[in-house]
Amino acid sequence: MVDIAVLEARIREAIPDAEIVRIEDLTGTRDHFDALIVAPSFAGLTRIAQHQTIYKALGDLMAGPVHALALRTYTPDAWRKTTEESTNGAR
């Protein structure tokens, strides 16, 4: 089990330009998480490379305390487009 604050700190340390880091404990057991990370440094990286950056930041936590991690990674432009589409689609 791991606290959300620990996950967020590791991600922010590895990706200092992250504009948004939101982590949710999906089950209340502190081992299944959903994470949203928006960072300019993701520009030019494939989705796989973006996710690998997060896995590397979490390191040993991925080998035990974190059982499941759903990742959503975006550049600021892609995040803006995603939020605009969901806002416009809700009308």
C-alpha atoms as a PDB file:
ATOM      1  CA  MET A   1       0.000   0.000   0.000  1.00  0.00           C
ATOM      2  CA  VAL A   2       1.223   3.464  -0.851  1.00  0.00           C
ATOM      3  CA  ASP A   3      -0.078   6.954  -0.234  1.00  0.00           C
ATOM      4  CA  ILE A   4      -1.164   9.085  -3.157  1.00  0.00           C
ATOM      5  CA  ALA A   5       1.191  11.832  -1.941  1.00  0.00           C
ATOM      6  CA  VAL A   6       4.179   9.520  -2.451  1.00  0.00           C
ATOM      7  CA  LEU A   7       3.118   8.728  -6.021  1.00  0.00           C
ATOM      8  CA  GLU A   8       2.554  12.387  -6.810  1.00  0.00           C
ATOM      9  CA  ALA A   9       5.908  13.428  -5.317  1.00  0.00           C
ATOM     10  CA  ARG A  10       7.798  10.861  -7.378  1.00  0.00           C
ATOM     11  CA  ILE A  11       6.028  11.892 -10.568  1.00  0.00           C
ATOM     12  CA  ARG A  12       6.585  15.608  -9.946  1.00  0.00           C
ATOM     13  CA  GLU A  13      10.256  14.985  -9.164  1.00  0.00           C
ATOM     14  CA  ALA A  14      10.745  13.080 -12.427  1.00  0.00           C
ATOM     15  CA  ILE A  15       8.595  15.453 -14.489  1.00  0.00           C
ATOM     16  CA  PRO A  16       9.116  18.914 -12.992  1.00  0.00           C
ATOM     17  CA  ASP A  17       7.176  20.634 -15.782  1.00  0.00           C
ATOM     18  CA  ALA A  18       4.005  18.642 -15.034  1.00  0.00           C
ATOM     19  CA  GLU A  19       1.108  21.082 -14.993  1.00  0.00           C
ATOM     20  CA  ILE A  20      -1.444  18.585 -13.710  1.00  0.00           C
ATOM     21  CA  VAL A  21      -0.872  15.474 -11.620  1.00  0.00           C
ATOM     22  CA  ARG A  22      -4.115  13.954 -10.357  1.00  0.00           C
ATOM     23  CA  ILE A  23      -4.113  10.558  -8.739  1.00  0.00           C
ATOM     24  CA  GLU A  24      -7.153   8.677  -7.520  1.00  0.00           C
ATOM     25  CA  ASP A  25      -7.262   5.565  -5.362  1.00  0.00           C
ATOM     26  CA  LEU A  26      -9.782   3.454  -7.255  1.00  0.00           C
ATOM     27  CA  THR A  27     -10.565   0.883  -4.583  1.00  0.00           C
ATOM     28  CA  GLY A  28      -9.630   2.482  -1.259  1.00  0.00           C
ATOM     29  CA  THR A  29      -6.917  -0.132  -0.751  1.00  0.00           C
ATOM     30  CA  ARG A  30      -4.020   2.126  -1.824  1.00  0.00           C
ATOM     31  CA  ASP A  31      -2.823  -0.267  -4.506  1.00  0.00           C
ATOM     32  CA  HIS A  32      -5.126   0.433  -7.498  1.00  0.00           C
ATOM     33  CA  PHE A  33      -4.778   3.919  -8.971  1.00  0.00           C
ATOM     34  CA  ASP A  34      -5.849   6.124 -11.830  1.00  0.00           C
ATOM     35  CA  ALA A  35      -3.409   8.894 -12.759  1.00  0.00           C
ATOM     36  CA  LEU A  36      -3.764  11.917 -15.020  1.00  0.00           C
ATOM     37  CA  ILE A  37      -0.536  13.717 -15.913  1.00  0.00           C
ATOM     38  CA  VAL A  38      -0.291  16.744 -18.208  1.00  0.00           C
ATOM     39  CA  ALA A  39       3.225  17.894 -19.088  1.00  0.00           C
ATOM     40  CA  PRO A  40       4.895  19.825 -21.913  1.00  0.00           C
ATOM     41  CA  SER A  41       7.811  17.374 -21.800  1.00  0.00           C
ATOM     42  CA  PHE A  42       5.499  14.687 -23.231  1.00  0.00           C
ATOM     43  CA  ALA A  43       5.557  16.519 -26.585  1.00  0.00           C
ATOM     44  CA  GLY A  44       7.118  14.369 -29.281  1.00  0.00           C
ATOM     45  CA  LEU A  45       6.927  11.201 -27.174  1.00  0.00           C
ATOM     46  CA  THR A  46       4.715   8.277 -28.078  1.00  0.00           C
ATOM     47  CA  ARG A  47       2.044   7.302 -25.570  1.00  0.00           C
ATOM     48  CA  ILE A  48       4.188   4.295 -24.665  1.00  0.00           C
ATOM     49  CA  ALA A  49       7.223   6.510 -23.991  1.00  0.00           C
ATOM     50  CA  GLN A  50       5.086   8.830 -21.861  1.00  0.00           C
ATOM     51  CA  HIS A  51       3.903   5.890 -19.774  1.00  0.00           C
ATOM     52  CA  GLN A  52       7.429   4.495 -19.490  1.00  0.00           C
ATOM     53  CA  THR A  53       8.485   7.856 -18.029  1.00  0.00           C
ATOM     54  CA  ILE A  54       5.865   7.444 -15.305  1.00  0.00           C
ATOM     55  CA  TYR A  55       6.777   3.818 -14.617  1.00  0.00           C
ATOM     56  CA  LYS A  56      10.447   4.783 -14.310  1.00  0.00           C
ATOM     57  CA  ALA A  57       9.546   7.582 -11.876  1.00  0.00           C
ATOM     58  CA  LEU A  58       7.617   5.155  -9.683  1.00  0.00           C
ATOM     59  CA  GLY A  59      10.387   2.562  -9.870  1.00  0.00           C
ATOM     60  CA  ASP A  60      10.216  -0.013  -7.096  1.00  0.00           C
ATOM     61  CA  LEU A  61       6.639   0.919  -6.218  1.00  0.00           C
ATOM     62  CA  MET A  62       5.499  -0.736  -9.447  1.00  0.00           C
ATOM     63  CA  ALA A  63       7.055  -4.035  -8.325  1.00  0.00           C
ATOM     64  CA  GLY A  64       4.902  -4.399  -5.249  1.00  0.00           C
ATOM     65  CA  PRO A  65       2.885  -1.717  -3.496  1.00  0.00           C
ATOM     66  CA  VAL A  66       1.191  -0.535  -6.712  1.00  0.00           C
ATOM     67  CA  HIS A  67      -0.826  -3.429  -8.091  1.00  0.00           C
ATOM     68  CA  ALA A  68      -2.645  -1.543 -10.863  1.00  0.00           C
ATOM     69  CA  LEU A  69      -2.137   1.865 -12.452  1.00  0.00           C
ATOM     70  CA  ALA A  70      -4.321   3.331 -15.181  1.00  0.00           C
ATOM     71  CA  LEU A  71      -2.447   6.160 -16.885  1.00  0.00           C
ATOM     72  CA  ARG A  72      -3.781   9.078 -18.877  1.00  0.00           C
ATOM     73  CA  THR A  73      -0.947  11.258 -20.169  1.00  0.00           C
ATOM     74  CA  TYR A  74      -1.264  14.391 -22.278  1.00  0.00           C
ATOM     75  CA  THR A  75       0.638  17.383 -23.518  1.00  0.00           C
ATOM     76  CA  PRO A  76      -1.054  20.652 -22.534  1.00  0.00           C
ATOM     77  CA  ASP A  77      -2.396  21.091 -26.089  1.00  0.00           C
ATOM     78  CA  ALA A  78      -3.802  17.567 -26.218  1.00  0.00           C
ATOM     79  CA  TRP A  79      -5.371  18.019 -22.770  1.00  0.00           C
ATOM     80  CA  ARG A  80      -6.964  21.288 -23.837  1.00  0.00           C
ATOM     81  CA  LYS A  81      -8.435  19.612 -26.933  1.00  0.00           C
ATOM     82  CA  THR A  82      -9.732  16.711 -24.846  1.00  0.00           C
ATOM     83  CA  THR A  83     -11.425  18.991 -22.344  1.00  0.00           C
ATOM     84  CA  GLU A  84     -12.871  21.192 -25.103  1.00  0.00           C
ATOM     85  CA  GLU A  85     -14.290  18.136 -26.893  1.00  0.00           C
ATOM     86  CA  SER A  86     -15.904  16.818 -23.716  1.00  0.00           C
ATOM     87  CA  THR A  87     -17.322  20.268 -22.941  1.00  0.00           C
ATOM     88  CA  ASN A  88     -18.696  20.717 -26.456  1.00  0.00           C
ATOM     89  CA  GLY A  89     -20.055  17.175 -26.518  1.00  0.00           C
ATOM     90  CA  ALA A  90     -22.000  17.795 -23.317  1.00  0.00           C
ATOM     91  CA  ARG A  91     -24.114  20.507 -24.899  1.00  0.00           C
END
